[in-house]
Amino acid sequence: MFNANKRKIAGIAGSIIVVIALAYALYTVLASLKPPVYTLTDTTLEITAEFGETINLADISNVQLQNDMPDNLVKVSGANMGSILLGNFQSNGDALKIYVDTSVPPFIYITTNQGLVIINNRAADDTQALFNQLEQKIAPAATN
């Protein structure tokens, strides 16, 4: 009788752990599929997404618009779900942070004093508009 109760409790605990793990996995998948939101202020670029960050504009040395992603991307931590890449990656040994949908070029390459960050929107026109805004904010700082 005592062993049967232990087995029943162990089975219930195991089931609860499985449900929690599945709920966390579902949350992670759904959060990764949500497109990043970029908020540009006078001093920062805020990336609101799973694994998001805030970049001080003063830390940006260069912005470029590229049609291709770096070669040999390897996920370090984050999400790699088909065309959706979010988080920390490496390319040929170099660390970078990525917030993109690779199926919708172009991509904005942002060189900061902490490394390379690559972003885009899920519409090419929106990416171009964000690039133009970033370029305008960065250009005056580069001439000072």
C-alpha atoms as a PDB file:
ATOM      1  CA  MET A   1       0.000   0.000   0.000  1.00  0.00           C
ATOM      2  CA  PHE A   2       2.794   2.394   0.952  1.00  0.00           C
ATOM      3  CA  ASN A   3       4.746   1.655  -2.280  1.00  0.00           C
ATOM      4  CA  ALA A   4       1.609   2.120  -4.378  1.00  0.00           C
ATOM      5  CA  ASN A   5       1.115   5.609  -2.922  1.00  0.00           C
ATOM      6  CA  LYS A   6       4.761   6.486  -3.609  1.00  0.00           C
ATOM      7  CA  ARG A   7       4.398   5.344  -7.218  1.00  0.00           C
ATOM      8  CA  LYS A   8       1.179   7.306  -7.618  1.00  0.00           C
ATOM      9  CA  ILE A   9       2.810  10.489  -6.237  1.00  0.00           C
ATOM     10  CA  ALA A  10       5.880   9.943  -8.431  1.00  0.00           C
ATOM     11  CA  GLY A  11       3.638   9.509 -11.484  1.00  0.00           C
ATOM     12  CA  ILE A  12       1.721  12.698 -10.713  1.00  0.00           C
ATOM     13  CA  ALA A  13       4.962  14.631 -10.105  1.00  0.00           C
ATOM     14  CA  GLY A  14       6.390  13.312 -13.370  1.00  0.00           C
ATOM     15  CA  SER A  15       3.251  14.355 -15.233  1.00  0.00           C
ATOM     16  CA  ILE A  16       3.403  17.842 -13.738  1.00  0.00           C
ATOM     17  CA  ILE A  17       7.051  18.203 -14.790  1.00  0.00           C
ATOM     18  CA  VAL A  18       6.193  17.133 -18.358  1.00  0.00           C
ATOM     19  CA  VAL A  19       3.304  19.620 -18.527  1.00  0.00           C
ATOM     20  CA  ILE A  20       5.509  22.450 -17.235  1.00  0.00           C
ATOM     21  CA  ALA A  21       8.259  21.583 -19.736  1.00  0.00           C
ATOM     22  CA  LEU A  22       5.771  21.507 -22.619  1.00  0.00           C
ATOM     23  CA  ALA A  23       4.228  24.819 -21.533  1.00  0.00           C
ATOM     24  CA  TYR A  24       7.683  26.426 -21.390  1.00  0.00           C
ATOM     25  CA  ALA A  25       8.578  25.051 -24.830  1.00  0.00           C
ATOM     26  CA  LEU A  26       5.298  26.376 -26.275  1.00  0.00           C
ATOM     27  CA  TYR A  27       5.896  29.782 -24.673  1.00  0.00           C
ATOM     28  CA  THR A  28       9.422  29.906 -26.123  1.00  0.00           C
ATOM     29  CA  VAL A  29       8.183  29.026 -29.612  1.00  0.00           C
ATOM     30  CA  LEU A  30       5.383  31.601 -29.519  1.00  0.00           C
ATOM     31  CA  ALA A  31       7.669  34.329 -28.101  1.00  0.00           C
ATOM     32  CA  SER A  32      10.247  33.625 -30.816  1.00  0.00           C
ATOM     33  CA  LEU A  33       7.663  33.937 -33.569  1.00  0.00           C
ATOM     34  CA  LYS A  34       6.591  37.375 -32.368  1.00  0.00           C
ATOM     35  CA  PRO A  35       8.416  39.981 -34.473  1.00  0.00           C
ATOM     36  CA  PRO A  36      10.865  42.305 -32.715  1.00  0.00           C
ATOM     37  CA  VAL A  37       9.764  45.865 -32.059  1.00  0.00           C
ATOM     38  CA  TYR A  38      12.368  48.586 -32.593  1.00  0.00           C
ATOM     39  CA  THR A  39      12.021  51.862 -30.711  1.00  0.00           C
ATOM     40  CA  LEU A  40      14.409  54.623 -31.721  1.00  0.00           C
ATOM     41  CA  THR A  41      14.864  57.571 -29.353  1.00  0.00           C
ATOM     42  CA  ASP A  42      17.351  60.426 -29.386  1.00  0.00           C
ATOM     43  CA  THR A  43      19.855  58.295 -27.456  1.00  0.00           C
ATOM     44  CA  THR A  44      18.945  54.614 -27.832  1.00  0.00           C
ATOM     45  CA  LEU A  45      17.700  51.847 -30.085  1.00  0.00           C
ATOM     46  CA  GLU A  46      15.549  49.532 -28.003  1.00  0.00           C
ATOM     47  CA  ILE A  47      14.976  46.031 -29.363  1.00  0.00           C
ATOM     48  CA  THR A  48      11.937  44.503 -27.716  1.00  0.00           C
ATOM     49  CA  ALA A  49      11.956  40.792 -28.428  1.00  0.00           C
ATOM     50  CA  GLU A  50      12.862  37.507 -26.868  1.00  0.00           C
ATOM     51  CA  PHE A  51      16.571  38.060 -26.010  1.00  0.00           C
ATOM     52  CA  GLY A  52      16.155  41.820 -26.747  1.00  0.00           C
ATOM     53  CA  GLU A  53      18.449  44.644 -25.697  1.00  0.00           C
ATOM     54  CA  THR A  54      18.950  48.398 -25.667  1.00  0.00           C
ATOM     55  CA  ILE A  55      21.790  49.914 -27.701  1.00  0.00           C
ATOM     56  CA  ASN A  56      23.093  53.381 -26.908  1.00  0.00           C
ATOM     57  CA  LEU A  57      23.374  55.337 -30.158  1.00  0.00           C
ATOM     58  CA  ALA A  58      26.695  56.732 -28.922  1.00  0.00           C
ATOM     59  CA  ASP A  59      28.047  53.144 -28.990  1.00  0.00           C
ATOM     60  CA  ILE A  60      27.231  52.716 -32.710  1.00  0.00           C
ATOM     61  CA  SER A  61      30.145  53.342 -35.067  1.00  0.00           C
ATOM     62  CA  ASN A  62      28.520  52.226 -38.328  1.00  0.00           C
ATOM     63  CA  VAL A  63      25.229  51.136 -39.898  1.00  0.00           C
ATOM     64  CA  GLN A  64      24.972  49.355 -43.240  1.00  0.00           C
ATOM     65  CA  LEU A  65      22.159  47.882 -45.263  1.00  0.00           C
ATOM     66  CA  GLN A  66      22.994  44.404 -46.594  1.00  0.00           C
ATOM     67  CA  ASN A  67      21.009  41.902 -48.642  1.00  0.00           C
ATOM     68  CA  ASP A  68      22.813  38.840 -47.266  1.00  0.00           C
ATOM     69  CA  MET A  69      23.395  37.308 -43.857  1.00  0.00           C
ATOM     70  CA  PRO A  70      26.896  36.317 -42.701  1.00  0.00           C
ATOM     71  CA  ASP A  71      28.202  32.865 -43.642  1.00  0.00           C
ATOM     72  CA  ASN A  72      28.459  29.898 -41.279  1.00  0.00           C
ATOM     73  CA  LEU A  73      25.969  31.116 -38.660  1.00  0.00           C
ATOM     74  CA  VAL A  74      25.881  29.020 -35.516  1.00  0.00           C
ATOM     75  CA  LYS A  75      23.379  29.654 -32.713  1.00  0.00           C
ATOM     76  CA  VAL A  76      24.987  30.126 -29.298  1.00  0.00           C
ATOM     77  CA  SER A  77      21.777  30.949 -27.412  1.00  0.00           C
ATOM     78  CA  GLY A  78      18.401  32.086 -28.611  1.00  0.00           C
ATOM     79  CA  ALA A  79      16.008  30.911 -31.286  1.00  0.00           C
ATOM     80  CA  ASN A  80      16.710  29.450 -34.712  1.00  0.00           C
ATOM     81  CA  MET A  81      13.296  28.585 -36.087  1.00  0.00           C
ATOM     82  CA  GLY A  82      13.399  28.343 -39.853  1.00  0.00           C
ATOM     83  CA  SER A  83      13.817  31.873 -41.156  1.00  0.00           C
ATOM     84  CA  ILE A  84      13.475  33.449 -37.684  1.00  0.00           C
ATOM     85  CA  LEU A  85      16.798  34.063 -35.922  1.00  0.00           C
ATOM     86  CA  LEU A  86      16.855  35.743 -32.489  1.00  0.00           C
ATOM     87  CA  GLY A  87      19.672  35.895 -29.988  1.00  0.00           C
ATOM     88  CA  ASN A  88      23.398  35.238 -29.822  1.00  0.00           C
ATOM     89  CA  PHE A  89      25.126  33.668 -32.824  1.00  0.00           C
ATOM     90  CA  GLN A  90      28.618  33.184 -34.196  1.00  0.00           C
ATOM     91  CA  SER A  91      29.875  33.551 -37.743  1.00  0.00           C
ATOM     92  CA  ASN A  92      33.355  32.228 -38.453  1.00  0.00           C
ATOM     93  CA  GLY A  93      34.201  32.591 -34.760  1.00  0.00           C
ATOM     94  CA  ASP A  94      32.910  36.169 -34.411  1.00  0.00           C
ATOM     95  CA  ALA A  95      30.101  36.798 -31.905  1.00  0.00           C
ATOM     96  CA  LEU A  96      27.012  38.688 -33.075  1.00  0.00           C
ATOM     97  CA  LYS A  97      23.452  39.343 -32.011  1.00  0.00           C
ATOM     98  CA  ILE A  98      20.684  38.763 -34.519  1.00  0.00           C
ATOM     99  CA  TYR A  99      17.005  39.767 -34.646  1.00  0.00           C
ATOM    100  CA  VAL A 100      15.878  38.890 -38.181  1.00  0.00           C
ATOM    101  CA  ASP A 101      13.553  37.058 -40.480  1.00  0.00           C
ATOM    102  CA  THR A 102      16.002  35.821 -43.109  1.00  0.00           C
ATOM    103  CA  SER A 103      13.237  35.427 -45.693  1.00  0.00           C
ATOM    104  CA  VAL A 104      12.732  39.221 -45.838  1.00  0.00           C
ATOM    105  CA  PRO A 105      15.954  41.063 -46.766  1.00  0.00           C
ATOM    106  CA  PRO A 106      17.482  43.606 -46.417  1.00  0.00           C
ATOM    107  CA  PHE A 107      19.252  43.483 -43.067  1.00  0.00           C
ATOM    108  CA  ILE A 108      20.654  46.345 -41.010  1.00  0.00           C
ATOM    109  CA  TYR A 109      24.193  45.667 -39.793  1.00  0.00           C
ATOM    110  CA  ILE A 110      24.905  47.770 -36.696  1.00  0.00           C
ATOM    111  CA  THR A 111      28.521  47.915 -35.560  1.00  0.00           C
ATOM    112  CA  THR A 112      28.770  48.788 -31.872  1.00  0.00           C
ATOM    113  CA  ASN A 113      31.654  48.862 -29.441  1.00  0.00           C
ATOM    114  CA  GLN A 114      30.280  45.547 -28.093  1.00  0.00           C
ATOM    115  CA  GLY A 115      30.100  43.823 -31.486  1.00  0.00           C
ATOM    116  CA  LEU A 116      27.843  43.387 -34.482  1.00  0.00           C
ATOM    117  CA  VAL A 117      24.043  43.441 -34.231  1.00  0.00           C
ATOM    118  CA  ILE A 118      21.888  42.508 -37.234  1.00  0.00           C
ATOM    119  CA  ILE A 119      18.209  43.454 -37.381  1.00  0.00           C
ATOM    120  CA  ASN A 120      15.341  43.714 -39.831  1.00  0.00           C
ATOM    121  CA  ASN A 121      11.588  44.111 -39.923  1.00  0.00           C
ATOM    122  CA  ARG A 122       9.190  41.646 -41.457  1.00  0.00           C
ATOM    123  CA  ALA A 123       8.603  44.085 -44.326  1.00  0.00           C
ATOM    124  CA  ALA A 124      11.471  45.347 -46.518  1.00  0.00           C
ATOM    125  CA  ASP A 125      10.038  48.887 -46.634  1.00  0.00           C
ATOM    126  CA  ASP A 126       9.938  49.032 -42.827  1.00  0.00           C
ATOM    127  CA  THR A 127      13.564  47.871 -42.651  1.00  0.00           C
ATOM    128  CA  GLN A 128      14.587  50.570 -45.138  1.00  0.00           C
ATOM    129  CA  ALA A 129      12.710  53.219 -43.127  1.00  0.00           C
ATOM    130  CA  LEU A 130      14.374  52.110 -39.870  1.00  0.00           C
ATOM    131  CA  PHE A 131      17.781  52.155 -41.575  1.00  0.00           C
ATOM    132  CA  ASN A 132      17.163  55.715 -42.822  1.00  0.00           C
ATOM    133  CA  GLN A 133      16.188  56.838 -39.315  1.00  0.00           C
ATOM    134  CA  LEU A 134      19.235  55.173 -37.765  1.00  0.00           C
ATOM    135  CA  GLU A 135      21.544  56.644 -40.372  1.00  0.00           C
ATOM    136  CA  GLN A 136      20.195  60.147 -39.672  1.00  0.00           C
ATOM    137  CA  LYS A 137      20.704  59.701 -35.912  1.00  0.00           C
ATOM    138  CA  ILE A 138      24.197  58.214 -36.259  1.00  0.00           C
ATOM    139  CA  ALA A 139      25.581  60.579 -38.944  1.00  0.00           C
ATOM    140  CA  PRO A 140      25.567  63.719 -36.717  1.00  0.00           C
ATOM    141  CA  ALA A 141      27.271  61.807 -33.900  1.00  0.00           C
ATOM    142  CA  ALA A 142      29.983  60.533 -36.272  1.00  0.00           C
ATOM    143  CA  THR A 143      30.915  64.054 -37.344  1.00  0.00           C
ATOM    144  CA  ASN A 144      31.357  65.312 -33.749  1.00  0.00           C
END
